[in-house]
C-alpha cells in the first residue's frame, strides 16, 4: 500500500527524482528501512526477494519512515493533511 501511495503521489506531482533521493537517504540512515526501499524501487509488485516475512516488521517504524519520505521531499503538509 505504501508503495502504491508513494508512486501515485510523486508521479502526480512530477517529483519522482525527489522520491528516489529521499528513499535512498532514508535507506542509508536506517538499515531496517532497506527492505522497503528495495521493494519500492522494484519494477514489479510481486518481487519475492523483498518483504515476504512480515513477522519482524514494526508497523509504527515504517509509518514513521513513510512520513519521513514526505518530510524529506518538502510535502510534510500533504502527509499531515492525508494522515491526520
Protein backbone atom coordinates (compact mmCIF):
# COMPACT_ATOMS: atom_id res chain seq x y z
CA UNK A 1 0.00 0.00 0.00
CA UNK A 2 2.80 2.44 0.89
CA UNK A 3 4.50 1.76 -2.42
CA UNK A 4 1.32 2.49 -4.35
CA UNK A 5 0.74 5.74 -2.47
CA UNK A 6 4.32 6.92 -2.99
CA UNK A 7 4.36 6.02 -6.69
CA UNK A 8 0.99 7.60 -7.39
CA UNK A 9 1.59 10.81 -5.45
CA UNK A 10 5.12 11.51 -6.66
CA UNK A 11 4.18 10.71 -10.26
CA UNK A 12 1.18 13.04 -9.93
CA UNK A 13 3.33 15.95 -8.67
CA UNK A 14 6.15 15.09 -11.13
CA UNK A 15 8.72 14.61 -8.36
CA UNK A 16 9.90 11.04 -9.00
CA UNK A 17 13.54 12.12 -8.65
CA UNK A 18 12.86 13.70 -5.24
CA UNK A 19 11.18 10.46 -4.16
CA UNK A 20 14.17 8.40 -5.28
CA UNK A 21 16.58 10.70 -3.43
CA UNK A 22 14.51 10.62 -0.22
CA UNK A 23 14.23 6.83 -0.32
CA UNK A 24 17.97 6.47 -0.87
CA UNK A 25 18.73 8.84 2.01
CA UNK A 26 16.38 7.01 4.39
CA UNK A 27 17.86 3.64 3.40
CA UNK A 28 21.35 4.94 4.16
CA UNK A 29 20.22 6.27 7.56
CA UNK A 30 18.22 3.21 8.61
CA UNK A 31 19.19 -0.36 7.78
CA UNK A 32 15.73 -1.60 8.78
CA UNK A 33 14.28 0.60 6.03
CA UNK A 34 16.35 -1.01 3.27
CA UNK A 35 13.87 -3.82 2.59
CA UNK A 36 11.06 -1.33 1.99
CA UNK A 37 13.43 0.81 -0.08
CA UNK A 38 14.28 -2.17 -2.32
CA UNK A 39 10.61 -3.07 -2.63
CA UNK A 40 9.57 0.45 -3.62
CA UNK A 41 12.34 0.61 -6.22
CA UNK A 42 11.45 -2.69 -7.92
CA UNK A 43 9.53 -2.62 -11.17
CA UNK A 44 7.27 -5.47 -10.07
CA UNK A 45 4.96 -5.56 -7.08
CA UNK A 46 5.40 -9.32 -6.81
CA UNK A 47 9.16 -9.47 -6.29
CA UNK A 48 9.70 -12.43 -3.94
CA UNK A 49 13.13 -11.16 -2.86
CA UNK A 50 11.62 -8.41 -0.78
CA UNK A 51 9.15 -8.15 2.10
CA UNK A 52 7.98 -11.73 2.38
CA UNK A 53 8.24 -12.23 6.14
CA UNK A 54 6.06 -9.65 7.80
CA UNK A 55 6.63 -11.10 11.28
CA UNK A 56 9.57 -8.83 12.13
CA UNK A 57 8.15 -5.63 10.70
CA UNK A 58 7.18 -2.99 13.25
CA UNK A 59 4.35 -1.02 11.61
CA UNK A 60 4.98 2.16 13.60
CA UNK A 61 8.58 2.25 12.36
CA UNK A 62 7.52 2.03 8.72
CA UNK A 63 4.76 4.59 9.17
CA UNK A 64 7.39 6.97 10.55
CA UNK A 65 9.71 6.23 7.60
CA UNK A 66 6.75 6.76 5.24
CA UNK A 67 6.20 10.17 6.84
CA UNK A 68 9.90 10.97 6.52
CA UNK A 69 9.69 10.49 2.75
CA UNK A 70 7.19 13.34 2.64
CA UNK A 71 9.24 15.44 5.07
CA UNK A 72 12.45 15.00 3.05
CA UNK A 73 10.72 15.93 -0.19
CA UNK A 74 9.00 19.02 1.20
CA UNK A 75 5.49 17.55 1.26
CA UNK A 76 5.00 17.13 5.01
CA UNK A 77 1.89 19.32 4.88
CA UNK A 78 0.30 16.90 2.41
CA UNK A 79 1.18 13.93 4.63
CA UNK A 80 -0.36 15.59 7.70
CA UNK A 81 -3.49 16.51 5.75
CA UNK A 82 -3.99 13.00 4.43
CA UNK A 83 -2.95 11.05 7.53
CA UNK A 84 -4.49 13.37 10.08
